[in-house]
Amino acid sequence: MISKELLDILACPKCKSDLKFEKEENILICKNCKLIFPIIDDIPVLLIEEAKPLDQNDKYYR
C-alpha cells in the first residue's frame, strides 16, 4: 500500500500532473496522459515505457 505522503509527491513522469491511486487494482493513473502505471511489490513503476494506455472502455477513463 502506498502512503498518503508518497502519493502527495508522486507525479506523472510524462506531464508532471498528479496521479490517482486505484487501491483495488494497485495502479496509478494519469488522467491527463491517459496512462496506467503499475505498482509492483509496493513500489510505483513510473517509467513511461512500462505504462499502459488507458482505454476508453476502461472504468477509470472518466
PDB file of N, CA and C in Angstrom:
ATOM      1  N   MET A   1       0.846  -1.189   0.000  1.00  0.00           N
ATOM      2  CA  MET A   1       0.000   0.000   0.000  1.00  0.00           C
ATOM      3  C   MET A   1       0.886   1.245   0.000  1.00  0.00           C
ATOM      4  N   ILE A   2       0.491   2.218  -0.776  1.00  0.00           N
ATOM      5  CA  ILE A   2       1.257   3.450  -0.886  1.00  0.00           C
ATOM      6  C   ILE A   2       0.772   4.443   0.170  1.00  0.00           C
ATOM      7  N   SER A   3       1.710   5.071   0.827  1.00  0.00           N
ATOM      8  CA  SER A   3       1.351   6.037   1.867  1.00  0.00           C
ATOM      9  C   SER A   3       0.826   7.335   1.245  1.00  0.00           C
ATOM     10  N   LYS A   4       0.043   8.039   2.019  1.00  0.00           N
ATOM     11  CA  LYS A   4      -0.515   9.330   1.581  1.00  0.00           C
ATOM     12  C   LYS A   4       0.613  10.322   1.298  1.00  0.00           C
ATOM     13  N   GLU A   5       1.667  10.285   2.109  1.00  0.00           N
ATOM     14  CA  GLU A   5       2.807  11.188   1.921  1.00  0.00           C
ATOM     15  C   GLU A   5       3.487  10.947   0.571  1.00  0.00           C
ATOM     16  N   LEU A   6       3.635   9.682   0.200  1.00  0.00           N
ATOM     17  CA  LEU A   6       4.255   9.360  -1.086  1.00  0.00           C
ATOM     18  C   LEU A   6       3.350   9.782  -2.234  1.00  0.00           C
ATOM     19  N   LEU A   7       2.063   9.506  -2.111  1.00  0.00           N
ATOM     20  CA  LEU A   7       1.121   9.911  -3.156  1.00  0.00           C
ATOM     21  C   LEU A   7       1.127  11.417  -3.374  1.00  0.00           C
ATOM     22  N   ASP A   8       1.320  12.168  -2.303  1.00  0.00           N
ATOM     23  CA  ASP A   8       1.328  13.623  -2.411  1.00  0.00           C
ATOM     24  C   ASP A   8       2.497  14.156  -3.236  1.00  0.00           C
ATOM     25  N   ILE A   9       3.600  13.415  -3.292  1.00  0.00           N
ATOM     26  CA  ILE A   9       4.764  13.914  -4.030  1.00  0.00           C
ATOM     27  C   ILE A   9       4.962  13.248  -5.391  1.00  0.00           C
ATOM     28  N   LEU A  10       4.238  12.148  -5.650  1.00  0.00           N
ATOM     29  CA  LEU A  10       4.374  11.481  -6.941  1.00  0.00           C
ATOM     30  C   LEU A  10       3.702  12.290  -8.044  1.00  0.00           C
ATOM     31  N   ALA A  11       4.304  12.257  -9.216  1.00  0.00           N
ATOM     32  CA  ALA A  11       3.738  12.945 -10.376  1.00  0.00           C
ATOM     33  C   ALA A  11       3.992  12.110 -11.618  1.00  0.00           C
ATOM     34  N   CYS A  12       3.191  12.316 -12.608  1.00  0.00           N
ATOM     35  CA  CYS A  12       3.367  11.619 -13.882  1.00  0.00           C
ATOM     36  C   CYS A  12       4.728  11.998 -14.467  1.00  0.00           C
ATOM     37  N   PRO A  13       5.523  11.009 -14.877  1.00  0.00           N
ATOM     38  CA  PRO A  13       6.835  11.326 -15.437  1.00  0.00           C
ATOM     39  C   PRO A  13       6.758  12.008 -16.808  1.00  0.00           C
ATOM     40  N   LYS A  14       5.613  11.912 -17.459  1.00  0.00           N
ATOM     41  CA  LYS A  14       5.470  12.497 -18.794  1.00  0.00           C
ATOM     42  C   LYS A  14       4.999  13.953 -18.739  1.00  0.00           C
ATOM     43  N   CYS A  15       3.925  14.216 -17.965  1.00  0.00           N
ATOM     44  CA  CYS A  15       3.339  15.559 -17.963  1.00  0.00           C
ATOM     45  C   CYS A  15       3.439  16.271 -16.610  1.00  0.00           C
ATOM     46  N   LYS A  16       3.918  15.561 -15.605  1.00  0.00           N
ATOM     47  CA  LYS A  16       4.108  16.109 -14.248  1.00  0.00           C
ATOM     48  C   LYS A  16       2.810  16.402 -13.496  1.00  0.00           C
ATOM     49  N   SER A  17       1.683  15.897 -13.981  1.00  0.00           N
ATOM     50  CA  SER A  17       0.424  16.110 -13.253  1.00  0.00           C
ATOM     51  C   SER A  17       0.267  15.059 -12.151  1.00  0.00           C
ATOM     52  N   ASP A  18      -0.725  15.259 -11.303  1.00  0.00           N
ATOM     53  CA  ASP A  18      -0.975  14.337 -10.199  1.00  0.00           C
ATOM     54  C   ASP A  18      -1.408  12.966 -10.710  1.00  0.00           C
ATOM     55  N   LEU A  19      -1.101  11.945  -9.913  1.00  0.00           N
ATOM     56  CA  LEU A  19      -1.514  10.589 -10.223  1.00  0.00           C
ATOM     57  C   LEU A  19      -2.620  10.176  -9.270  1.00  0.00           C
ATOM     58  N   LYS A  20      -3.549   9.396  -9.776  1.00  0.00           N
ATOM     59  CA  LYS A  20      -4.657   8.895  -8.948  1.00  0.00           C
ATOM     60  C   LYS A  20      -4.355   7.441  -8.601  1.00  0.00           C
ATOM     61  N   PHE A  21      -4.425   7.110  -7.318  1.00  0.00           N
ATOM     62  CA  PHE A  21      -4.172   5.752  -6.853  1.00  0.00           C
ATOM     63  C   PHE A  21      -5.474   4.962  -6.851  1.00  0.00           C
ATOM     64  N   GLU A  22      -5.468   3.829  -7.531  1.00  0.00           N
ATOM     65  CA  GLU A  22      -6.619   2.930  -7.539  1.00  0.00           C
ATOM     66  C   GLU A  22      -6.252   1.715  -6.699  1.00  0.00           C
ATOM     67  N   LYS A  23      -6.760   1.710  -5.491  1.00  0.00           N
ATOM     68  CA  LYS A  23      -6.410   0.702  -4.489  1.00  0.00           C
ATOM     69  C   LYS A  23      -6.790  -0.714  -4.929  1.00  0.00           C
ATOM     70  N   GLU A  24      -7.978  -0.865  -5.526  1.00  0.00           N
ATOM     71  CA  GLU A  24      -8.470  -2.189  -5.930  1.00  0.00           C
ATOM     72  C   GLU A  24      -7.504  -2.915  -6.860  1.00  0.00           C
ATOM     73  N   GLU A  25      -6.963  -2.182  -7.826  1.00  0.00           N
ATOM     74  CA  GLU A  25      -6.094  -2.804  -8.825  1.00  0.00           C
ATOM     75  C   GLU A  25      -4.615  -2.517  -8.587  1.00  0.00           C
ATOM     76  N   ASN A  26      -4.332  -1.733  -7.563  1.00  0.00           N
ATOM     77  CA  ASN A  26      -2.950  -1.404  -7.203  1.00  0.00           C
ATOM     78  C   ASN A  26      -2.205  -0.770  -8.384  1.00  0.00           C
ATOM     79  N   ILE A  27      -2.785   0.305  -8.895  1.00  0.00           N
ATOM     80  CA  ILE A  27      -2.205   1.023 -10.032  1.00  0.00           C
ATOM     81  C   ILE A  27      -2.276   2.523  -9.770  1.00  0.00           C
ATOM     82  N   LEU A  28      -1.488   3.263 -10.533  1.00  0.00           N
ATOM     83  CA  LEU A  28      -1.545   4.724 -10.531  1.00  0.00           C
ATOM     84  C   LEU A  28      -1.984   5.160 -11.920  1.00  0.00           C
ATOM     85  N   ILE A  29      -2.852   6.150 -11.974  1.00  0.00           N
ATOM     86  CA  ILE A  29      -3.392   6.607 -13.251  1.00  0.00           C
ATOM     87  C   ILE A  29      -3.116   8.088 -13.441  1.00  0.00           C
ATOM     88  N   CYS A  30      -2.641   8.416 -14.636  1.00  0.00           N
ATOM     89  CA  CYS A  30      -2.531   9.816 -15.037  1.00  0.00           C
ATOM     90  C   CYS A  30      -3.709  10.087 -15.967  1.00  0.00           C
ATOM     91  N   LYS A  31      -4.651  10.870 -15.486  1.00  0.00           N
ATOM     92  CA  LYS A  31      -5.844  11.182 -16.287  1.00  0.00           C
ATOM     93  C   LYS A  31      -5.500  12.101 -17.462  1.00  0.00           C
ATOM     94  N   ASN A  32      -4.465  12.915 -17.296  1.00  0.00           N
ATOM     95  CA  ASN A  32      -4.057  13.842 -18.339  1.00  0.00           C
ATOM     96  C   ASN A  32      -3.461  13.102 -19.546  1.00  0.00           C
ATOM     97  N   CYS A  33      -2.539  12.185 -19.293  1.00  0.00           N
ATOM     98  CA  CYS A  33      -1.860  11.437 -20.362  1.00  0.00           C
ATOM     99  C   CYS A  33      -2.591  10.154 -20.738  1.00  0.00           C
ATOM    100  N   LYS A  34      -3.593   9.785 -19.931  1.00  0.00           N
ATOM    101  CA  LYS A  34      -4.335   8.534 -20.137  1.00  0.00           C
ATOM    102  C   LYS A  34      -3.392   7.334 -20.077  1.00  0.00           C
ATOM    103  N   LEU A  35      -2.573   7.300 -18.998  1.00  0.00           N
ATOM    104  CA  LEU A  35      -1.626   6.204 -18.795  1.00  0.00           C
ATOM    105  C   LEU A  35      -1.865   5.539 -17.449  1.00  0.00           C
ATOM    106  N   ILE A  36      -1.603   4.231 -17.402  1.00  0.00           N
ATOM    107  CA  ILE A  36      -1.701   3.445 -16.179  1.00  0.00           C
ATOM    108  C   ILE A  36      -0.296   2.981 -15.820  1.00  0.00           C
ATOM    109  N   PHE A  37       0.122   3.278 -14.591  1.00  0.00           N
ATOM    110  CA  PHE A  37       1.428   2.864 -14.104  1.00  0.00           C
ATOM    111  C   PHE A  37       1.254   1.750 -13.072  1.00  0.00           C
ATOM    112  N   PRO A  38       1.980   0.652 -13.218  1.00  0.00           N
ATOM    113  CA  PRO A  38       1.841  -0.446 -12.260  1.00  0.00           C
ATOM    114  C   PRO A  38       2.540  -0.151 -10.939  1.00  0.00           C
ATOM    115  N   ILE A  39       2.115  -0.854  -9.913  1.00  0.00           N
ATOM    116  CA  ILE A  39       2.787  -0.825  -8.616  1.00  0.00           C
ATOM    117  C   ILE A  39       3.191  -2.268  -8.340  1.00  0.00           C
ATOM    118  N   ILE A  40       4.474  -2.512  -8.243  1.00  0.00           N
ATOM    119  CA  ILE A  40       4.989  -3.869  -8.050  1.00  0.00           C
ATOM    120  C   ILE A  40       5.717  -3.930  -6.717  1.00  0.00           C
ATOM    121  N   ASP A  41       5.288  -4.855  -5.867  1.00  0.00           N
ATOM    122  CA  ASP A  41       5.867  -5.001  -4.525  1.00  0.00           C
ATOM    123  C   ASP A  41       5.880  -3.676  -3.773  1.00  0.00           C
ATOM    124  N   ASP A  42       4.761  -2.958  -3.841  1.00  0.00           N
ATOM    125  CA  ASP A  42       4.580  -1.656  -3.170  1.00  0.00           C
ATOM    126  C   ASP A  42       5.500  -0.562  -3.699  1.00  0.00           C
ATOM    127  N   ILE A  43       6.059  -0.757  -4.889  1.00  0.00           N
ATOM    128  CA  ILE A  43       6.932   0.253  -5.493  1.00  0.00           C
ATOM    129  C   ILE A  43       6.299   0.724  -6.810  1.00  0.00           C
ATOM    130  N   PRO A  44       5.966   2.017  -6.901  1.00  0.00           N
ATOM    131  CA  PRO A  44       5.413   2.529  -8.152  1.00  0.00           C
ATOM    132  C   PRO A  44       6.462   2.492  -9.268  1.00  0.00           C
ATOM    133  N   VAL A  45       6.073   1.937 -10.401  1.00  0.00           N
ATOM    134  CA  VAL A  45       6.967   1.874 -11.557  1.00  0.00           C
ATOM    135  C   VAL A  45       6.572   3.032 -12.474  1.00  0.00           C
ATOM    136  N   LEU A  46       7.292   4.136 -12.341  1.00  0.00           N
ATOM    137  CA  LEU A  46       6.943   5.356 -13.081  1.00  0.00           C
ATOM    138  C   LEU A  46       7.829   5.542 -14.306  1.00  0.00           C
ATOM    139  N   LEU A  47       7.946   4.502 -15.073  1.00  0.00           N
ATOM    140  CA  LEU A  47       8.670   4.559 -16.339  1.00  0.00           C
ATOM    141  C   LEU A  47       7.647   4.623 -17.459  1.00  0.00           C
ATOM    142  N   ILE A  48       7.782   5.596 -18.325  1.00  0.00           N
ATOM    143  CA  ILE A  48       6.826   5.760 -19.417  1.00  0.00           C
ATOM    144  C   ILE A  48       6.769   4.494 -20.268  1.00  0.00           C
ATOM    145  N   GLU A  49       7.910   3.830 -20.437  1.00  0.00           N
ATOM    146  CA  GLU A  49       7.966   2.610 -21.247  1.00  0.00           C
ATOM    147  C   GLU A  49       7.169   1.463 -20.618  1.00  0.00           C
ATOM    148  N   GLU A  50       6.978   1.503 -19.309  1.00  0.00           N
ATOM    149  CA  GLU A  50       6.252   0.441 -18.598  1.00  0.00           C
ATOM    150  C   GLU A  50       4.760   0.759 -18.441  1.00  0.00           C
ATOM    151  N   ALA A  51       4.366   1.972 -18.756  1.00  0.00           N
ATOM    152  CA  ALA A  51       2.966   2.382 -18.613  1.00  0.00           C
ATOM    153  C   ALA A  51       2.117   1.760 -19.715  1.00  0.00           C
ATOM    154  N   LYS A  52       0.855   1.554 -19.373  1.00  0.00           N
ATOM    155  CA  LYS A  52      -0.100   1.043 -20.360  1.00  0.00           C
ATOM    156  C   LYS A  52      -1.105   2.147 -20.661  1.00  0.00           C
ATOM    157  N   PRO A  53      -1.558   2.222 -21.903  1.00  0.00           N
ATOM    158  CA  PRO A  53      -2.550   3.250 -22.231  1.00  0.00           C
ATOM    159  C   PRO A  53      -3.888   2.953 -21.573  1.00  0.00           C
ATOM    160  N   LEU A  54      -4.550   3.999 -21.169  1.00  0.00           N
ATOM    161  CA  LEU A  54      -5.874   3.893 -20.576  1.00  0.00           C
ATOM    162  C   LEU A  54      -6.885   3.833 -21.714  1.00  0.00           C
ATOM    163  N   ASP A  55      -7.574   2.738 -21.812  1.00  0.00           N
ATOM    164  CA  ASP A  55      -8.535   2.509 -22.885  1.00  0.00           C
ATOM    165  C   ASP A  55      -9.829   3.274 -22.609  1.00  0.00           C
ATOM    166  N   GLN A  56     -10.494   3.733 -23.657  1.00  0.00           N
ATOM    167  CA  GLN A  56     -11.750   4.482 -23.498  1.00  0.00           C
ATOM    168  C   GLN A  56     -12.831   3.647 -22.834  1.00  0.00           C
ATOM    169  N   ASN A  57     -12.729   2.333 -22.935  1.00  0.00           N
ATOM    170  CA  ASN A  57     -13.726   1.447 -22.328  1.00  0.00           C
ATOM    171  C   ASN A  57     -13.387   1.125 -20.879  1.00  0.00           C
ATOM    172  N   ASP A  58     -12.246   1.570 -20.422  1.00  0.00           N
ATOM    173  CA  ASP A  58     -11.808   1.301 -19.056  1.00  0.00           C
ATOM    174  C   ASP A  58     -12.656   2.112 -18.073  1.00  0.00           C
ATOM    175  N   LYS A  59     -12.965   1.522 -16.925  1.00  0.00           N
ATOM    176  CA  LYS A  59     -13.823   2.216 -15.951  1.00  0.00           C
ATOM    177  C   LYS A  59     -13.136   3.449 -15.360  1.00  0.00           C
ATOM    178  N   TYR A  60     -11.823   3.565 -15.484  1.00  0.00           N
ATOM    179  CA  TYR A  60     -11.083   4.710 -14.940  1.00  0.00           C
ATOM    180  C   TYR A  60     -10.933   5.849 -15.956  1.00  0.00           C
ATOM    181  N   TYR A  61     -11.415   5.665 -17.161  1.00  0.00           N
ATOM    182  CA  TYR A  61     -11.214   6.644 -18.232  1.00  0.00           C
ATOM    183  C   TYR A  61     -11.894   7.978 -17.921  1.00  0.00           C
ATOM    184  N   ARG A  62     -12.992   7.973 -17.215  1.00  0.00           N
ATOM    185  CA  ARG A  62     -13.772   9.183 -16.934  1.00  0.00           C
ATOM    186  C   ARG A  62     -12.948  10.333 -16.468  1.00  0.00           C
TER     187      ARG A  62
END
